[in-house]
C-alpha cells in the first residue's frame, strides 16, 4: 500500500531521470566488489 501511495504521489509531478554517477567510479566499485568476493571464496 505504501509503495502504491508513493507512486501515485510521485507520478503527479514526474521528472525525467538524470544520470549523475561517474561511470569510472561505478566500474571501480564493481571491480572492488569482485575482488572482495573472490578473496572470500
N, C-alpha and C. Protein backbone atom coordinates (compact mmCIF):
# COMPACT_ATOMS: atom_id res chain seq x y z
N UNK A 1 0.83 -1.19 0.00
CA UNK A 1 0.00 0.00 0.00
C UNK A 1 0.87 1.26 0.00
N UNK A 2 1.94 1.22 0.80
CA UNK A 2 2.82 2.38 0.89
C UNK A 2 3.51 2.66 -0.45
N UNK A 3 3.90 1.60 -1.13
CA UNK A 3 4.56 1.77 -2.43
C UNK A 3 3.59 2.36 -3.44
N UNK A 4 2.38 1.84 -3.46
CA UNK A 4 1.38 2.37 -4.38
C UNK A 4 1.07 3.84 -4.10
N UNK A 5 0.99 4.21 -2.83
CA UNK A 5 0.73 5.60 -2.47
C UNK A 5 1.89 6.49 -2.93
N UNK A 6 3.13 6.03 -2.71
CA UNK A 6 4.29 6.78 -3.17
C UNK A 6 4.25 7.00 -4.68
N UNK A 7 3.96 5.93 -5.42
CA UNK A 7 3.92 6.04 -6.88
C UNK A 7 2.84 7.01 -7.35
N UNK A 8 1.70 6.94 -6.73
CA UNK A 8 0.62 7.84 -7.11
C UNK A 8 1.01 9.30 -6.86
N UNK A 9 1.62 9.57 -5.72
CA UNK A 9 2.01 10.94 -5.39
C UNK A 9 3.17 11.39 -6.29
N UNK A 10 4.13 10.53 -6.51
CA UNK A 10 5.29 10.88 -7.32
C UNK A 10 4.90 11.12 -8.77
N UNK A 11 3.99 10.32 -9.29
CA UNK A 11 3.61 10.41 -10.69
C UNK A 11 2.74 11.63 -11.00
N UNK A 12 2.31 12.34 -9.97
CA UNK A 12 1.53 13.55 -10.21
C UNK A 12 2.41 14.65 -10.80
N UNK A 13 3.69 14.67 -10.42
CA UNK A 13 4.64 15.65 -10.95
C UNK A 13 5.93 14.93 -11.32
N UNK A 14 5.89 14.09 -12.35
CA UNK A 14 7.08 13.31 -12.69
C UNK A 14 8.19 14.20 -13.26
N UNK A 15 9.43 13.76 -13.01
CA UNK A 15 10.61 14.45 -13.52
C UNK A 15 11.47 13.44 -14.26
N UNK A 16 12.10 13.85 -15.35
CA UNK A 16 12.96 12.89 -16.06
C UNK A 16 14.16 12.49 -15.20
N UNK A 17 14.57 11.25 -15.35
CA UNK A 17 15.72 10.76 -14.61
C UNK A 17 16.99 11.33 -15.23
N UNK A 18 17.87 11.84 -14.41
CA UNK A 18 19.13 12.40 -14.86
C UNK A 18 20.27 11.63 -14.22
N UNK A 19 21.08 10.96 -15.04
CA UNK A 19 22.19 10.15 -14.54
C UNK A 19 23.31 11.07 -14.11
N UNK A 20 23.75 10.95 -12.85
CA UNK A 20 24.80 11.83 -12.34
C UNK A 20 26.04 11.07 -11.88
N UNK A 21 25.97 9.77 -11.82
CA UNK A 21 27.10 8.98 -11.35
C UNK A 21 28.20 8.92 -12.41
N UNK A 22 29.43 8.94 -11.95
CA UNK A 22 30.58 8.83 -12.85
C UNK A 22 30.77 7.36 -13.23
N UNK A 23 30.71 7.02 -14.51
CA UNK A 23 30.83 5.62 -14.91
C UNK A 23 32.14 4.98 -14.45
N UNK A 24 33.23 5.73 -14.44
CA UNK A 24 34.51 5.17 -14.00
C UNK A 24 34.46 4.78 -12.52
N UNK A 25 33.76 5.55 -11.71
CA UNK A 25 33.63 5.22 -10.28
C UNK A 25 32.77 3.97 -10.09
N UNK A 26 31.75 3.83 -10.91
CA UNK A 26 30.89 2.64 -10.82
C UNK A 26 31.70 1.40 -11.19
N UNK A 27 32.45 1.47 -12.27
CA UNK A 27 33.26 0.33 -12.71
C UNK A 27 34.30 -0.03 -11.66
N UNK A 28 34.93 0.98 -11.05
CA UNK A 28 35.92 0.73 -10.00
C UNK A 28 35.27 0.04 -8.79
N UNK A 29 34.06 0.48 -8.43
CA UNK A 29 33.36 -0.13 -7.30
C UNK A 29 33.00 -1.59 -7.59
N UNK A 30 32.59 -1.87 -8.82
CA UNK A 30 32.26 -3.25 -9.20
C UNK A 30 33.51 -4.12 -9.12
N UNK A 31 34.62 -3.59 -9.61
CA UNK A 31 35.88 -4.36 -9.55
C UNK A 31 36.28 -4.64 -8.10
N UNK A 32 36.14 -3.64 -7.23
CA UNK A 32 36.46 -3.85 -5.81
C UNK A 32 35.55 -4.92 -5.21
N UNK A 33 34.28 -4.87 -5.58
CA UNK A 33 33.34 -5.87 -5.08
C UNK A 33 33.72 -7.26 -5.52
N UNK A 34 34.13 -7.40 -6.76
CA UNK A 34 34.56 -8.72 -7.27
C UNK A 34 35.81 -9.20 -6.55
N UNK A 35 36.74 -8.29 -6.26
CA UNK A 35 37.96 -8.67 -5.55
C UNK A 35 37.64 -9.18 -4.15
N UNK A 36 36.71 -8.50 -3.48
CA UNK A 36 36.32 -8.92 -2.13
C UNK A 36 35.66 -10.29 -2.19
N UNK A 37 34.75 -10.48 -3.13
CA UNK A 37 34.07 -11.77 -3.23
C UNK A 37 35.05 -12.88 -3.59
N UNK A 38 36.01 -12.60 -4.47
CA UNK A 38 36.99 -13.61 -4.82
C UNK A 38 37.89 -13.98 -3.64
N UNK A 39 38.18 -13.01 -2.77
CA UNK A 39 39.06 -13.29 -1.65
C UNK A 39 38.33 -14.09 -0.56
N UNK A 40 37.02 -14.03 -0.54
CA UNK A 40 36.24 -14.79 0.45
C UNK A 40 36.19 -16.26 0.07
N UNK A 41 36.13 -16.55 -1.21
CA UNK A 41 35.96 -17.94 -1.66
C UNK A 41 37.29 -18.57 -1.83
